[in-house]
Amino acid sequence: MALASSAAATSRTTAVGAGAILLWASLALLTTWTGTLPPFQTMALCFAVAFVLSLGKWLARREDIASHLRQPASVWLTGVGGLFGYHFLYFVALKTAPAVEANLINYLWPLLLVLFSALLPGERLRWWHLAGTALGLCGTLVLVTGGGSVSFRPEYTVGYASAFGCAICWAAYSVLSRRFGSVPTDAVGGFCGVTAVLAVPCHLAFERTVSPSPGEWLALLVMGAGPMGIAFFFWDVGMKRGNIKALGGLSYATPLLSTLLLILAGRARLNVGIALACLFIVGGAVLASRDLWARGSGSVSTPPPPRDG
């Protein structure tokens, strides 16, 4: 009975984590609605929205805000390093390397997430976890390149390194979240606030400020509330109490769903490559999440005892 209850709880929290993947799928479409707004300005405004919404929730419920934010330095370093570090390196990668190659390298993070999860207490890495994420990576390769060739040239080394740094940063942040199981998910609101503040000097140093139009403000508000807001709270729940390896495999659905949304919005066209990518990614996700659906697998992971740093 206890095992069944634990498995059900893991499935529920994994589903919450998968909610982040669904929200992230909308990011590409929403970004097209921000017009010519520079990346770091967009980042600062979106994370500011996420923080303000968190603050509003705390005030409305009369929660102890200090208890959410009073965390060890290691927790803040992990949280802010994950959110700000990932986005900073991602924007650097896109500025210093071709977008196709940069995105491919960046999407190594689900595979690294699965590999890093093996370092956690109580986690076992099985062949289907690796095979599932590998299939997802193959599908992403087909999706991002459109079936064309990829060339890595030495003059873009800085960009490639930044993209790989993205992958390591997000995978490490995600896995380390499990190690801080006693830290409330509300602390993510604080991470968003600091990330917004850190994005401001980056914007001032590298970009020209653009005044958003009413439509762009609406897109920023939706992004800050969804894929650059609540998604990180969902992801925190999934990483702390869900099945990490299943979420790693499911993460490759993000670029696929993102592309499908662009197609529905008339911003992209369906082709054979997308259909093939769909087969790879869906098949990989099913395989990587075998722990959740295989009858009698007995391999549902149990989170380690909470740590507060």
C-alpha atoms as a PDB file:
ATOM      1  CA  MET A   1       0.000   0.000   0.000  1.00  0.00           C
ATOM      2  CA  ALA A   2       2.797   2.401   0.931  1.00  0.00           C
ATOM      3  CA  LEU A   3       4.617   1.640  -2.332  1.00  0.00           C
ATOM      4  CA  ALA A   4       1.468   2.271  -4.369  1.00  0.00           C
ATOM      5  CA  SER A   5       0.867   5.546  -2.530  1.00  0.00           C
ATOM      6  CA  SER A   6       4.458   6.613  -3.163  1.00  0.00           C
ATOM      7  CA  ALA A   7       4.175   5.737  -6.848  1.00  0.00           C
ATOM      8  CA  ALA A   8       0.952   7.734  -7.155  1.00  0.00           C
ATOM      9  CA  ALA A   9       2.542  10.743  -5.463  1.00  0.00           C
ATOM     10  CA  THR A  10       5.536  10.526  -7.783  1.00  0.00           C
ATOM     11  CA  SER A  11       3.246  10.372 -10.811  1.00  0.00           C
ATOM     12  CA  ARG A  12       1.341  13.457  -9.639  1.00  0.00           C
ATOM     13  CA  THR A  13       4.448  15.538  -9.040  1.00  0.00           C
ATOM     14  CA  THR A  14       5.942  14.352 -12.330  1.00  0.00           C
ATOM     15  CA  ALA A  15       2.766  15.580 -14.030  1.00  0.00           C
ATOM     16  CA  VAL A  16       3.259  18.970 -12.371  1.00  0.00           C
ATOM     17  CA  GLY A  17       6.820  19.072 -13.688  1.00  0.00           C
ATOM     18  CA  ALA A  18       5.506  18.184 -17.155  1.00  0.00           C
ATOM     19  CA  GLY A  19       3.297  21.271 -16.892  1.00  0.00           C
ATOM     20  CA  ALA A  20       6.483  23.343 -17.121  1.00  0.00           C
ATOM     21  CA  ILE A  21       7.351  21.609 -20.401  1.00  0.00           C
ATOM     22  CA  LEU A  22       3.941  22.515 -21.817  1.00  0.00           C
ATOM     23  CA  LEU A  23       4.349  26.146 -20.772  1.00  0.00           C
ATOM     24  CA  TRP A  24       7.867  26.378 -22.210  1.00  0.00           C
ATOM     25  CA  ALA A  25       6.481  25.190 -25.536  1.00  0.00           C
ATOM     26  CA  SER A  26       4.613  28.516 -25.834  1.00  0.00           C
ATOM     27  CA  LEU A  27       7.755  30.603 -25.384  1.00  0.00           C
ATOM     28  CA  ALA A  28       8.827  30.677 -29.045  1.00  0.00           C
ATOM     29  CA  LEU A  29       5.394  31.853 -30.212  1.00  0.00           C
ATOM     30  CA  LEU A  30       5.132  34.462 -27.471  1.00  0.00           C
ATOM     31  CA  THR A  31       8.630  35.697 -28.286  1.00  0.00           C
ATOM     32  CA  THR A  32       7.520  36.427 -31.852  1.00  0.00           C
ATOM     33  CA  TRP A  33       4.913  38.761 -30.343  1.00  0.00           C
ATOM     34  CA  THR A  34       7.567  40.814 -28.516  1.00  0.00           C
ATOM     35  CA  GLY A  35       8.692  42.347 -31.795  1.00  0.00           C
ATOM     36  CA  THR A  36      12.110  43.965 -31.660  1.00  0.00           C
ATOM     37  CA  LEU A  37      12.517  43.992 -27.883  1.00  0.00           C
ATOM     38  CA  PRO A  38      16.133  43.053 -27.009  1.00  0.00           C
ATOM     39  CA  PRO A  39      16.682  39.701 -25.234  1.00  0.00           C
ATOM     40  CA  PHE A  40      18.056  41.003 -21.919  1.00  0.00           C
ATOM     41  CA  GLN A  41      15.364  43.681 -21.690  1.00  0.00           C
ATOM     42  CA  THR A  42      12.753  40.996 -22.309  1.00  0.00           C
ATOM     43  CA  MET A  43      14.398  38.790 -19.699  1.00  0.00           C
ATOM     44  CA  ALA A  44      14.445  41.571 -17.073  1.00  0.00           C
ATOM     45  CA  LEU A  45      10.794  42.487 -17.627  1.00  0.00           C
ATOM     46  CA  CYS A  46       9.496  38.905 -17.701  1.00  0.00           C
ATOM     47  CA  PHE A  47      11.281  37.845 -14.534  1.00  0.00           C
ATOM     48  CA  ALA A  48      10.128  41.068 -12.874  1.00  0.00           C
ATOM     49  CA  VAL A  49       6.551  40.097 -13.731  1.00  0.00           C
ATOM     50  CA  ALA A  50       7.132  36.640 -12.254  1.00  0.00           C
ATOM     51  CA  PHE A  51       8.485  38.155  -9.038  1.00  0.00           C
ATOM     52  CA  VAL A  52       5.652  40.682  -8.711  1.00  0.00           C
ATOM     53  CA  LEU A  53       3.074  37.917  -9.178  1.00  0.00           C
ATOM     54  CA  SER A  54       4.834  35.847  -6.504  1.00  0.00           C
ATOM     55  CA  LEU A  55       4.869  38.834  -4.168  1.00  0.00           C
ATOM     56  CA  GLY A  56       1.178  39.435  -4.819  1.00  0.00           C
ATOM     57  CA  LYS A  57       0.399  35.819  -3.945  1.00  0.00           C
ATOM     58  CA  TRP A  58       2.374  36.025  -0.713  1.00  0.00           C
ATOM     59  CA  LEU A  59       0.655  39.256   0.320  1.00  0.00           C
ATOM     60  CA  ALA A  60      -2.827  38.052  -0.637  1.00  0.00           C
ATOM     61  CA  ARG A  61      -2.419  34.906   1.441  1.00  0.00           C
ATOM     62  CA  ARG A  62      -0.611  36.750   4.247  1.00  0.00           C
ATOM     63  CA  GLU A  63       2.289  34.341   4.039  1.00  0.00           C
ATOM     64  CA  ASP A  64       5.569  34.788   5.862  1.00  0.00           C
ATOM     65  CA  ILE A  65       7.604  36.234   3.000  1.00  0.00           C
ATOM     66  CA  ALA A  66      10.827  36.150   5.001  1.00  0.00           C
ATOM     67  CA  SER A  67      10.503  32.386   5.497  1.00  0.00           C
ATOM     68  CA  HIS A  68      10.396  31.922   1.729  1.00  0.00           C
ATOM     69  CA  LEU A  69      13.456  34.067   1.134  1.00  0.00           C
ATOM     70  CA  ARG A  70      15.532  33.256   4.217  1.00  0.00           C
ATOM     71  CA  GLN A  71      17.589  30.491   2.595  1.00  0.00           C
ATOM     72  CA  PRO A  72      21.256  29.437   2.806  1.00  0.00           C
ATOM     73  CA  ALA A  73      23.715  31.016   0.378  1.00  0.00           C
ATOM     74  CA  SER A  74      24.088  27.667  -1.402  1.00  0.00           C
ATOM     75  CA  VAL A  75      20.372  27.674  -2.218  1.00  0.00           C
ATOM     76  CA  TRP A  76      20.486  31.206  -3.614  1.00  0.00           C
ATOM     77  CA  LEU A  77      23.598  30.428  -5.594  1.00  0.00           C
ATOM     78  CA  THR A  78      21.953  27.355  -7.093  1.00  0.00           C
ATOM     79  CA  GLY A  79      18.620  29.048  -7.834  1.00  0.00           C
ATOM     80  CA  VAL A  80      19.915  32.321  -9.261  1.00  0.00           C
ATOM     81  CA  GLY A  81      22.785  30.530 -10.994  1.00  0.00           C
ATOM     82  CA  GLY A  82      20.272  28.246 -12.690  1.00  0.00           C
ATOM     83  CA  LEU A  83      17.785  30.883 -13.838  1.00  0.00           C
ATOM     84  CA  PHE A  84      20.105  33.787 -14.602  1.00  0.00           C
ATOM     85  CA  GLY A  85      23.109  31.685 -15.605  1.00  0.00           C
ATOM     86  CA  TYR A  86      21.154  29.647 -18.126  1.00  0.00           C
ATOM     87  CA  HIS A  87      19.492  32.616 -19.814  1.00  0.00           C
ATOM     88  CA  PHE A  88      22.676  34.696 -19.854  1.00  0.00           C
ATOM     89  CA  LEU A  89      24.688  31.925 -21.504  1.00  0.00           C
ATOM     90  CA  TYR A  90      21.861  31.193 -23.924  1.00  0.00           C
ATOM     91  CA  PHE A  91      21.717  34.774 -25.182  1.00  0.00           C
ATOM     92  CA  VAL A  92      25.518  34.889 -25.464  1.00  0.00           C
ATOM     93  CA  ALA A  93      25.417  31.654 -27.473  1.00  0.00           C
ATOM     94  CA  LEU A  94      22.832  33.032 -29.893  1.00  0.00           C
ATOM     95  CA  LYS A  95      24.890  36.210 -30.373  1.00  0.00           C
ATOM     96  CA  THR A  96      28.175  34.401 -31.008  1.00  0.00           C
ATOM     97  CA  ALA A  97      27.157  31.241 -32.884  1.00  0.00           C
ATOM     98  CA  PRO A  98      24.621  30.198 -35.542  1.00  0.00           C
ATOM     99  CA  ALA A  99      21.197  29.613 -33.988  1.00  0.00           C
ATOM    100  CA  VAL A 100      20.820  26.041 -35.292  1.00  0.00           C
ATOM    101  CA  GLU A 101      24.084  24.757 -33.817  1.00  0.00           C
ATOM    102  CA  ALA A 102      23.617  26.747 -30.593  1.00  0.00           C
ATOM    103  CA  ASN A 103      20.137  25.306 -30.042  1.00  0.00           C
ATOM    104  CA  LEU A 104      21.296  21.771 -30.738  1.00  0.00           C
ATOM    105  CA  ILE A 105      24.071  22.028 -28.159  1.00  0.00           C
ATOM    106  CA  ASN A 106      21.716  23.682 -25.692  1.00  0.00           C
ATOM    107  CA  TYR A 107      19.288  20.768 -26.043  1.00  0.00           C
ATOM    108  CA  LEU A 108      21.838  18.411 -24.592  1.00  0.00           C
ATOM    109  CA  TRP A 109      20.484  19.450 -21.202  1.00  0.00           C
ATOM    110  CA  PRO A 110      17.747  16.781 -20.932  1.00  0.00           C
ATOM    111  CA  LEU A 111      20.335  14.085 -21.643  1.00  0.00           C
ATOM    112  CA  LEU A 112      22.732  15.628 -19.096  1.00  0.00           C
ATOM    113  CA  LEU A 113      19.858  15.855 -16.627  1.00  0.00           C
ATOM    114  CA  VAL A 114      19.286  12.108 -16.895  1.00  0.00           C
ATOM    115  CA  LEU A 115      23.017  11.408 -16.537  1.00  0.00           C
ATOM    116  CA  PHE A 116      23.437  13.743 -13.559  1.00  0.00           C
ATOM    117  CA  SER A 117      20.416  12.202 -11.829  1.00  0.00           C
ATOM    118  CA  ALA A 118      22.423   9.002 -11.384  1.00  0.00           C
ATOM    119  CA  LEU A 119      24.504  10.884  -8.795  1.00  0.00           C
ATOM    120  CA  LEU A 120      21.466  11.336  -6.536  1.00  0.00           C
ATOM    121  CA  PRO A 121      20.793   8.948  -3.633  1.00  0.00           C
ATOM    122  CA  GLY A 122      18.204   6.325  -4.476  1.00  0.00           C
ATOM    123  CA  GLU A 123      18.322   6.927  -8.232  1.00  0.00           C
ATOM    124  CA  ARG A 124      19.111   4.117 -10.691  1.00  0.00           C
ATOM    125  CA  LEU A 125      20.018   4.758 -14.305  1.00  0.00           C
ATOM    126  CA  ARG A 126      18.622   2.078 -16.615  1.00  0.00           C
ATOM    127  CA  TRP A 127      19.041   1.486 -20.341  1.00  0.00           C
ATOM    128  CA  TRP A 128      15.592   2.810 -21.215  1.00  0.00           C
ATOM    129  CA  HIS A 129      16.366   6.166 -19.596  1.00  0.00           C
ATOM    130  CA  LEU A 130      19.424   6.638 -21.804  1.00  0.00           C
ATOM    131  CA  ALA A 131      17.753   5.213 -24.910  1.00  0.00           C
ATOM    132  CA  GLY A 132      14.693   7.406 -24.459  1.00  0.00           C
ATOM    133  CA  THR A 133      16.645  10.644 -24.060  1.00  0.00           C
ATOM    134  CA  ALA A 134      18.927   9.671 -26.968  1.00  0.00           C
ATOM    135  CA  LEU A 135      15.857   9.225 -29.186  1.00  0.00           C
ATOM    136  CA  GLY A 136      14.593  12.609 -28.044  1.00  0.00           C
ATOM    137  CA  LEU A 137      17.916  14.196 -28.929  1.00  0.00           C
ATOM    138  CA  CYS A 138      17.797  12.583 -32.388  1.00  0.00           C
ATOM    139  CA  GLY A 139      14.305  13.960 -32.900  1.00  0.00           C
ATOM    140  CA  THR A 140      15.456  17.418 -31.856  1.00  0.00           C
ATOM    141  CA  LEU A 141      18.354  17.164 -34.311  1.00  0.00           C
ATOM    142  CA  VAL A 142      15.916  16.466 -37.147  1.00  0.00           C
ATOM    143  CA  LEU A 143      13.543  19.193 -35.942  1.00  0.00           C
ATOM    144  CA  VAL A 144      16.096  21.981 -35.506  1.00  0.00           C
ATOM    145  CA  THR A 145      18.093  21.276 -38.659  1.00  0.00           C
ATOM    146  CA  GLY A 146      15.091  20.494 -40.850  1.00  0.00           C
ATOM    147  CA  GLY A 147      16.903  17.371 -42.022  1.00  0.00           C
ATOM    148  CA  GLY A 148      19.822  19.433 -43.288  1.00  0.00           C
ATOM    149  CA  SER A 149      23.477  19.261 -42.358  1.00  0.00           C
ATOM    150  CA  VAL A 150      25.137  20.809 -39.327  1.00  0.00           C
ATOM    151  CA  SER A 151      28.596  22.310 -39.419  1.00  0.00           C
ATOM    152  CA  PHE A 152      30.603  23.328 -36.379  1.00  0.00           C
ATOM    153  CA  ARG A 153      33.266  25.901 -37.257  1.00  0.00           C
ATOM    154  CA  PRO A 154      36.146  26.998 -35.012  1.00  0.00           C
ATOM    155  CA  GLU A 155      35.349  30.711 -35.283  1.00  0.00           C
ATOM    156  CA  TYR A 156      32.178  30.081 -33.263  1.00  0.00           C
ATOM    157  CA  THR A 157      33.929  28.288 -30.397  1.00  0.00           C
ATOM    158  CA  VAL A 158      32.841  30.876 -27.819  1.00  0.00           C
ATOM    159  CA  GLY A 159      29.224  30.496 -28.872  1.00  0.00           C
ATOM    160  CA  TYR A 160      29.391  26.707 -28.820  1.00  0.00           C
ATOM    161  CA  ALA A 161      31.002  26.772 -25.373  1.00  0.00           C
ATOM    162  CA  SER A 162      28.281  29.123 -24.113  1.00  0.00           C
ATOM    163  CA  ALA A 163      25.568  26.820 -25.467  1.00  0.00           C
ATOM    164  CA  PHE A 164      27.171  23.829 -23.769  1.00  0.00           C
ATOM    165  CA  GLY A 165      27.392  25.914 -20.602  1.00  0.00           C
ATOM    166  CA  CYS A 166      23.623  26.422 -20.906  1.00  0.00           C
ATOM    167  CA  ALA A 167      23.052  22.690 -21.013  1.00  0.00           C
ATOM    168  CA  ILE A 168      25.291  22.015 -18.014  1.00  0.00           C
ATOM    169  CA  CYS A 169      23.838  24.942 -16.063  1.00  0.00           C
ATOM    170  CA  TRP A 170      20.195  23.912 -16.424  1.00  0.00           C
ATOM    171  CA  ALA A 171      20.836  20.206 -15.890  1.00  0.00           C
ATOM    172  CA  ALA A 172      22.909  20.930 -12.776  1.00  0.00           C
ATOM    173  CA  TYR A 173      20.336  23.376 -11.387  1.00  0.00           C
ATOM    174  CA  SER A 174      17.541  20.874 -11.953  1.00  0.00           C
ATOM    175  CA  VAL A 175      19.331  17.982 -10.258  1.00  0.00           C
ATOM    176  CA  LEU A 176      20.593  20.126  -7.377  1.00  0.00           C
ATOM    177  CA  SER A 177      17.006  21.198  -6.706  1.00  0.00           C
ATOM    178  CA  ARG A 178      16.424  17.630  -5.503  1.00  0.00           C
ATOM    179  CA  ARG A 179      19.209  18.061  -2.965  1.00  0.00           C
ATOM    180  CA  PHE A 180      17.363  21.031  -1.441  1.00  0.00           C
ATOM    181  CA  GLY A 181      14.090  19.227  -0.890  1.00  0.00           C
ATOM    182  CA  SER A 182      13.196  21.184   2.245  1.00  0.00           C
ATOM    183  CA  VAL A 183      13.462  24.538   0.490  1.00  0.00           C
ATOM    184  CA  PRO A 184       9.936  25.811  -0.296  1.00  0.00           C
ATOM    185  CA  THR A 185       9.056  26.149  -3.963  1.00  0.00           C
ATOM    186  CA  ASP A 186       8.036  29.746  -3.183  1.00  0.00           C
ATOM    187  CA  ALA A 187      11.752  30.543  -3.003  1.00  0.00           C
ATOM    188  CA  VAL A 188      11.722  30.402  -6.801  1.00  0.00           C
ATOM    189  CA  GLY A 189       9.912  33.742  -6.683  1.00  0.00           C
ATOM    190  CA  GLY A 190      12.975  35.238  -5.013  1.00  0.00           C
ATOM    191  CA  PHE A 191      15.244  33.674  -7.645  1.00  0.00           C
ATOM    192  CA  CYS A 192      13.111  35.335 -10.331  1.00  0.00           C
ATOM    193  CA  GLY A 193      13.435  38.708  -8.612  1.00  0.00           C
ATOM    194  CA  VAL A 194      17.220  38.545  -8.409  1.00  0.00           C
ATOM    195  CA  THR A 195      17.421  37.300 -11.999  1.00  0.00           C
ATOM    196  CA  ALA A 196      15.393  40.322 -13.143  1.00  0.00           C
ATOM    197  CA  VAL A 197      17.756  42.671 -11.297  1.00  0.00           C
ATOM    198  CA  LEU A 198      20.878  41.019 -12.748  1.00  0.00           C
ATOM    199  CA  ALA A 199      19.448  41.218 -16.271  1.00  0.00           C
ATOM    200  CA  VAL A 200      19.229  45.028 -16.066  1.00  0.00           C
ATOM    201  CA  PRO A 201      23.006  45.773 -16.211  1.00  0.00           C
ATOM    202  CA  CYS A 202      23.350  43.201 -19.000  1.00  0.00           C
ATOM    203  CA  HIS A 203      20.679  45.042 -20.955  1.00  0.00           C
ATOM    204  CA  LEU A 204      22.267  48.443 -20.335  1.00  0.00           C
ATOM    205  CA  ALA A 205      25.717  47.160 -21.309  1.00  0.00           C
ATOM    206  CA  PHE A 206      24.802  45.297 -24.505  1.00  0.00           C
ATOM    207  CA  GLU A 207      21.477  46.630 -25.776  1.00  0.00           C
ATOM    208  CA  ARG A 208      19.467  49.726 -26.619  1.00  0.00           C
ATOM    209  CA  THR A 209      16.279  50.185 -24.610  1.00  0.00           C
ATOM    210  CA  VAL A 210      13.092  49.819 -26.653  1.00  0.00           C
ATOM    211  CA  SER A 211       9.710  51.044 -25.425  1.00  0.00           C
ATOM    212  CA  PRO A 212       7.217  48.139 -25.684  1.00  0.00           C
ATOM    213  CA  SER A 213       3.949  48.649 -27.531  1.00  0.00           C
ATOM    214  CA  PRO A 214       0.657  47.656 -25.797  1.00  0.00           C
ATOM    215  CA  GLY A 215       0.705  44.332 -27.668  1.00  0.00           C
ATOM    216  CA  GLU A 216       4.305  43.692 -26.633  1.00  0.00           C
ATOM    217  CA  TRP A 217       3.460  44.514 -23.016  1.00  0.00           C
ATOM    218  CA  LEU A 218       0.688  41.918 -23.162  1.00  0.00           C
ATOM    219  CA  ALA A 219       3.129  39.328 -24.529  1.00  0.00           C
ATOM    220  CA  LEU A 220       5.613  40.184 -21.751  1.00  0.00           C
ATOM    221  CA  LEU A 221       2.928  39.795 -19.088  1.00  0.00           C
ATOM    222  CA  VAL A 222       1.856  36.406 -20.453  1.00  0.00           C
ATOM    223  CA  MET A 223       5.490  35.252 -20.705  1.00  0.00           C
ATOM    224  CA  GLY A 224       6.252  36.416 -17.154  1.00  0.00           C
ATOM    225  CA  ALA A 225       3.165  34.678 -15.814  1.00  0.00           C
ATOM    226  CA  GLY A 226       3.610  31.459 -17.813  1.00  0.00           C
ATOM    227  CA  PRO A 227       6.760  30.096 -19.483  1.00  0.00           C
ATOM    228  CA  MET A 228       9.078  32.496 -17.626  1.00  0.00           C
ATOM    229  CA  GLY A 229       7.122  32.425 -14.392  1.00  0.00           C
ATOM    230  CA  ILE A 230       4.919  29.628 -13.092  1.00  0.00           C
ATOM    231  CA  ALA A 231       6.761  27.117 -15.290  1.00  0.00           C
ATOM    232  CA  PHE A 232       9.812  27.383 -13.020  1.00  0.00           C
ATOM    233  CA  PHE A 233       7.636  26.694  -9.969  1.00  0.00           C
ATOM    234  CA  PHE A 234       6.175  23.621 -11.679  1.00  0.00           C
ATOM    235  CA  TRP A 235       9.665  22.470 -12.641  1.00  0.00           C
ATOM    236  CA  ASP A 236      10.863  22.855  -9.051  1.00  0.00           C
ATOM    237  CA  VAL A 237       8.064  20.578  -7.832  1.00  0.00           C
ATOM    238  CA  GLY A 238       8.855  18.008 -10.505  1.00  0.00           C
ATOM    239  CA  MET A 239      12.569  18.022  -9.783  1.00  0.00           C
ATOM    240  CA  LYS A 240      12.147  17.760  -6.017  1.00  0.00           C
ATOM    241  CA  ARG A 241       9.467  15.092  -5.837  1.00  0.00           C
ATOM    242  CA  GLY A 242       8.864  13.714  -9.331  1.00  0.00           C
ATOM    243  CA  ASN A 243      10.605  11.226 -11.603  1.00  0.00           C
ATOM    244  CA  ILE A 244      13.634  13.150 -12.870  1.00  0.00           C
ATOM    245  CA  LYS A 245      14.577  10.727 -15.636  1.00  0.00           C
ATOM    246  CA  ALA A 246      11.046  10.672 -17.039  1.00  0.00           C
ATOM    247  CA  LEU A 247      10.975  14.475 -17.059  1.00  0.00           C
ATOM    248  CA  GLY A 248      14.330  14.465 -18.836  1.00  0.00           C
ATOM    249  CA  GLY A 249      12.894  12.387 -21.661  1.00  0.00           C
ATOM    250  CA  LEU A 250       9.668  14.392 -21.752  1.00  0.00           C
ATOM    251  CA  SER A 251      11.642  17.643 -22.024  1.00  0.00           C
ATOM    252  CA  TYR A 252      12.408  16.960 -25.665  1.00  0.00           C
ATOM    253  CA  ALA A 253       8.710  17.550 -26.327  1.00  0.00           C
ATOM    254  CA  THR A 254       9.334  21.273 -25.765  1.00  0.00           C
ATOM    255  CA  PRO A 255      10.873  22.065 -29.178  1.00  0.00           C
ATOM    256  CA  LEU A 256       8.338  19.788 -30.882  1.00  0.00           C
ATOM    257  CA  LEU A 257       5.295  21.361 -29.221  1.00  0.00           C
ATOM    258  CA  SER A 258       6.818  24.783 -29.792  1.00  0.00           C
ATOM    259  CA  THR A 259       7.082  24.074 -33.520  1.00  0.00           C
ATOM    260  CA  LEU A 260       3.521  22.728 -33.661  1.00  0.00           C
ATOM    261  CA  LEU A 261       2.226  25.907 -32.001  1.00  0.00           C
ATOM    262  CA  LEU A 262       4.089  28.002 -34.562  1.00  0.00           C
ATOM    263  CA  ILE A 263       2.468  25.923 -37.309  1.00  0.00           C
ATOM    264  CA  LEU A 264      -1.006  26.449 -35.834  1.00  0.00           C
ATOM    265  CA  ALA A 265      -0.298  30.182 -35.611  1.00  0.00           C
ATOM    266  CA  GLY A 266       0.798  30.280 -39.239  1.00  0.00           C
ATOM    267  CA  ARG A 267       4.426  31.053 -38.376  1.00  0.00           C
ATOM    268  CA  ALA A 268       5.800  27.733 -39.682  1.00  0.00           C
ATOM    269  CA  ARG A 269       4.810  24.917 -42.068  1.00  0.00           C
ATOM    270  CA  LEU A 270       4.400  21.191 -41.450  1.00  0.00           C
ATOM    271  CA  ASN A 271       6.822  18.926 -43.309  1.00  0.00           C
ATOM    272  CA  VAL A 272       8.146  15.372 -43.300  1.00  0.00           C
ATOM    273  CA  GLY A 273      11.029  16.323 -41.011  1.00  0.00           C
ATOM    274  CA  ILE A 274       8.643  17.517 -38.297  1.00  0.00           C
ATOM    275  CA  ALA A 275       6.604  14.309 -38.583  1.00  0.00           C
ATOM    276  CA  LEU A 276       9.781  12.214 -38.236  1.00  0.00           C
ATOM    277  CA  ALA A 277      10.943  14.304 -35.295  1.00  0.00           C
ATOM    278  CA  CYS A 278       7.562  13.711 -33.687  1.00  0.00           C
ATOM    279  CA  LEU A 279       8.024   9.939 -33.888  1.00  0.00           C
ATOM    280  CA  PHE A 280      11.508  10.120 -32.349  1.00  0.00           C
ATOM    281  CA  ILE A 281      10.552  12.502 -29.557  1.00  0.00           C
ATOM    282  CA  VAL A 282       7.266  10.857 -28.583  1.00  0.00           C
ATOM    283  CA  GLY A 283       8.837   7.398 -28.720  1.00  0.00           C
ATOM    284  CA  GLY A 284      11.771   8.584 -26.647  1.00  0.00           C
ATOM    285  CA  ALA A 285       9.511  10.215 -24.074  1.00  0.00           C
ATOM    286  CA  VAL A 286       7.459   7.022 -23.700  1.00  0.00           C
ATOM    287  CA  LEU A 287      10.610   4.954 -23.286  1.00  0.00           C
ATOM    288  CA  ALA A 288      12.309   7.326 -20.829  1.00  0.00           C
ATOM    289  CA  SER A 289       9.153   7.425 -18.672  1.00  0.00           C
ATOM    290  CA  ARG A 290       8.859   3.625 -18.541  1.00  0.00           C
ATOM    291  CA  ASP A 291       9.120   3.771 -14.742  1.00  0.00           C
ATOM    292  CA  LEU A 292       5.743   5.496 -14.600  1.00  0.00           C
ATOM    293  CA  TRP A 293       3.704   3.267 -16.883  1.00  0.00           C
ATOM    294  CA  ALA A 294       5.374  -0.170 -16.962  1.00  0.00           C
ATOM    295  CA  ARG A 295       3.300  -2.576 -14.890  1.00  0.00           C
ATOM    296  CA  GLY A 296       5.298  -4.038 -12.063  1.00  0.00           C
ATOM    297  CA  SER A 297       8.503  -2.225 -13.018  1.00  0.00           C
ATOM    298  CA  GLY A 298       9.184  -1.519  -9.375  1.00  0.00           C
ATOM    299  CA  SER A 299      11.611   1.209 -10.303  1.00  0.00           C
ATOM    300  CA  VAL A 300       9.830   4.353  -9.236  1.00  0.00           C
ATOM    301  CA  SER A 301      12.433   6.603  -7.691  1.00  0.00           C
ATOM    302  CA  THR A 302      11.948   7.981  -4.214  1.00  0.00           C
ATOM    303  CA  PRO A 303      13.329  11.426  -3.407  1.00  0.00           C
ATOM    304  CA  PRO A 304      16.106  11.449  -0.818  1.00  0.00           C
ATOM    305  CA  PRO A 305      15.539  12.919   2.642  1.00  0.00           C
ATOM    306  CA  PRO A 306      15.153  16.728   2.367  1.00  0.00           C
ATOM    307  CA  ARG A 307      18.225  18.881   2.849  1.00  0.00           C
ATOM    308  CA  ASP A 308      18.312  22.592   3.496  1.00  0.00           C
ATOM    309  CA  GLY A 309      21.859  23.198   2.334  1.00  0.00           C
END
